[in-house]
Amino acid sequence: MAKKCDICNTKIESTFLNKLLGTHVKDKKGKKHFICPECQKKYGSKEEMLKNI
């Protein structure tokens, strides 16, 4: 199951065990947002990532 980054909308790669190579952050309502490694490097903190979604 391919996930897309919620910031830049690119496909996030996964390992052979279907683990994402990126991360996910939860907003105040508890919804998960998936983030690719490039955006994770670009926006260091969780707050910056949630601002750009």
N, C-alpha and C. Protein backbone atom coordinates (compact mmCIF):
# COMPACT_ATOMS: atom_id res chain seq x y z
N MET A 1 0.85 -1.17 0.00
CA MET A 1 0.00 0.00 0.00
C MET A 1 0.89 1.24 0.00
N ALA A 2 0.86 1.99 -1.08
CA ALA A 2 1.72 3.16 -1.23
C ALA A 2 1.09 4.37 -0.54
N LYS A 3 1.90 5.04 0.25
CA LYS A 3 1.46 6.27 0.93
C LYS A 3 2.11 7.45 0.23
N LYS A 4 1.47 8.60 0.32
CA LYS A 4 2.01 9.82 -0.24
C LYS A 4 2.28 10.81 0.88
N CYS A 5 3.31 11.61 0.68
CA CYS A 5 3.66 12.64 1.65
C CYS A 5 2.56 13.70 1.65
N ASP A 6 2.13 14.11 2.85
CA ASP A 6 1.07 15.11 2.96
C ASP A 6 1.56 16.52 2.67
N ILE A 7 2.88 16.73 2.64
CA ILE A 7 3.41 18.06 2.36
C ILE A 7 3.70 18.23 0.88
N CYS A 8 4.54 17.34 0.31
CA CYS A 8 4.96 17.51 -1.09
C CYS A 8 4.24 16.58 -2.06
N ASN A 9 3.42 15.66 -1.56
CA ASN A 9 2.59 14.76 -2.36
C ASN A 9 3.40 13.79 -3.22
N THR A 10 4.61 13.42 -2.78
CA THR A 10 5.38 12.40 -3.49
C THR A 10 5.17 11.05 -2.81
N LYS A 11 5.39 9.99 -3.56
CA LYS A 11 5.21 8.64 -3.04
C LYS A 11 6.32 8.33 -2.03
N ILE A 12 5.94 7.77 -0.89
CA ILE A 12 6.91 7.38 0.13
C ILE A 12 7.26 5.91 -0.08
N GLU A 13 8.55 5.63 -0.19
CA GLU A 13 9.02 4.26 -0.39
C GLU A 13 8.80 3.45 0.88
N SER A 14 8.74 2.14 0.73
CA SER A 14 8.61 1.26 1.89
C SER A 14 9.59 0.11 1.76
N THR A 15 9.88 -0.55 2.88
CA THR A 15 10.79 -1.69 2.88
C THR A 15 10.03 -2.94 2.45
N PHE A 16 10.73 -4.04 2.39
CA PHE A 16 10.07 -5.29 1.98
C PHE A 16 9.07 -5.78 3.02
N LEU A 17 9.14 -5.26 4.24
CA LEU A 17 8.17 -5.61 5.27
C LEU A 17 7.06 -4.58 5.37
N ASN A 18 6.93 -3.72 4.37
CA ASN A 18 5.93 -2.65 4.27
C ASN A 18 6.03 -1.61 5.39
N LYS A 19 7.25 -1.34 5.85
CA LYS A 19 7.48 -0.25 6.78
C LYS A 19 7.85 0.98 5.97
N LEU A 20 7.28 2.13 6.33
CA LEU A 20 7.57 3.36 5.60
C LEU A 20 8.97 3.85 5.89
N LEU A 21 9.61 4.45 4.87
CA LEU A 21 10.94 5.02 5.06
C LEU A 21 10.85 6.45 5.54
N GLY A 22 9.68 6.96 5.76
CA GLY A 22 9.49 8.30 6.30
C GLY A 22 9.00 8.21 7.73
N THR A 23 8.15 9.14 8.10
CA THR A 23 7.59 9.16 9.45
C THR A 23 6.15 9.61 9.37
N HIS A 24 5.49 9.63 10.50
CA HIS A 24 4.14 10.19 10.57
C HIS A 24 4.04 11.04 11.83
N VAL A 25 3.21 12.09 11.73
CA VAL A 25 2.95 12.96 12.87
C VAL A 25 1.44 13.04 13.06
N LYS A 26 1.03 13.22 14.29
CA LYS A 26 -0.40 13.36 14.59
C LYS A 26 -0.70 14.81 14.90
N ASP A 27 -1.85 15.29 14.39
CA ASP A 27 -2.27 16.64 14.72
C ASP A 27 -3.07 16.62 16.02
N LYS A 28 -3.63 17.76 16.39
CA LYS A 28 -4.36 17.87 17.66
C LYS A 28 -5.60 16.98 17.70
N LYS A 29 -6.19 16.71 16.54
CA LYS A 29 -7.39 15.87 16.49
C LYS A 29 -7.05 14.38 16.48
N GLY A 30 -5.77 14.03 16.36
CA GLY A 30 -5.36 12.64 16.36
C GLY A 30 -5.20 12.02 14.99
N LYS A 31 -5.35 12.82 13.92
CA LYS A 31 -5.21 12.29 12.57
C LYS A 31 -3.73 12.16 12.21
N LYS A 32 -3.35 11.02 11.61
CA LYS A 32 -1.97 10.80 11.20
C LYS A 32 -1.70 11.46 9.85
N HIS A 33 -0.56 12.12 9.75
CA HIS A 33 -0.09 12.71 8.50
C HIS A 33 1.26 12.08 8.19
N PHE A 34 1.42 11.55 6.97
CA PHE A 34 2.65 10.88 6.58
C PHE A 34 3.60 11.88 5.95
N ILE A 35 4.89 11.79 6.33
CA ILE A 35 5.91 12.72 5.90
C ILE A 35 7.07 11.94 5.29
N CYS A 36 7.54 12.37 4.10
CA CYS A 36 8.67 11.71 3.44
C CYS A 36 9.98 12.15 4.10
N PRO A 37 11.08 11.41 3.89
CA PRO A 37 12.35 11.77 4.52
C PRO A 37 12.88 13.13 4.08
N GLU A 38 12.62 13.55 2.84
CA GLU A 38 13.10 14.84 2.37
C GLU A 38 12.43 15.99 3.11
N CYS A 39 11.12 15.91 3.29
CA CYS A 39 10.40 16.94 4.03
C CYS A 39 10.75 16.88 5.51
N GLN A 40 11.07 15.70 6.00
CA GLN A 40 11.46 15.55 7.39
C GLN A 40 12.78 16.29 7.64
N LYS A 41 13.70 16.25 6.67
CA LYS A 41 14.96 16.97 6.79
C LYS A 41 14.74 18.47 6.64
N LYS A 42 13.85 18.83 5.72
CA LYS A 42 13.60 20.24 5.42
C LYS A 42 12.93 20.95 6.60
N TYR A 43 11.93 20.32 7.19
CA TYR A 43 11.21 20.88 8.33
C TYR A 43 11.56 20.03 9.55
N GLY A 44 12.43 20.52 10.38
CA GLY A 44 12.97 19.73 11.49
C GLY A 44 11.99 19.33 12.56
N SER A 45 11.12 20.23 12.98
CA SER A 45 10.26 19.91 14.12
C SER A 45 8.85 19.53 13.69
N LYS A 46 8.13 18.91 14.60
CA LYS A 46 6.76 18.48 14.35
C LYS A 46 5.86 19.67 14.06
N GLU A 47 6.06 20.78 14.79
CA GLU A 47 5.24 21.97 14.61
C GLU A 47 5.40 22.56 13.22
N GLU A 48 6.64 22.59 12.71
CA GLU A 48 6.89 23.11 11.36
C GLU A 48 6.24 22.22 10.30
N MET A 49 6.29 20.91 10.52
CA MET A 49 5.68 19.97 9.57
C MET A 49 4.17 20.17 9.52
N LEU A 50 3.54 20.32 10.69
CA LEU A 50 2.08 20.48 10.74
C LEU A 50 1.66 21.82 10.15
N LYS A 51 2.50 22.86 10.24
CA LYS A 51 2.16 24.15 9.63
C LYS A 51 2.10 24.06 8.11
N ASN A 52 2.94 23.21 7.53
CA ASN A 52 3.07 23.14 6.08
C ASN A 52 2.14 22.12 5.43
N ILE A 53 1.34 21.43 6.22
CA ILE A 53 0.41 20.44 5.65
C ILE A 53 -0.80 21.18 5.09
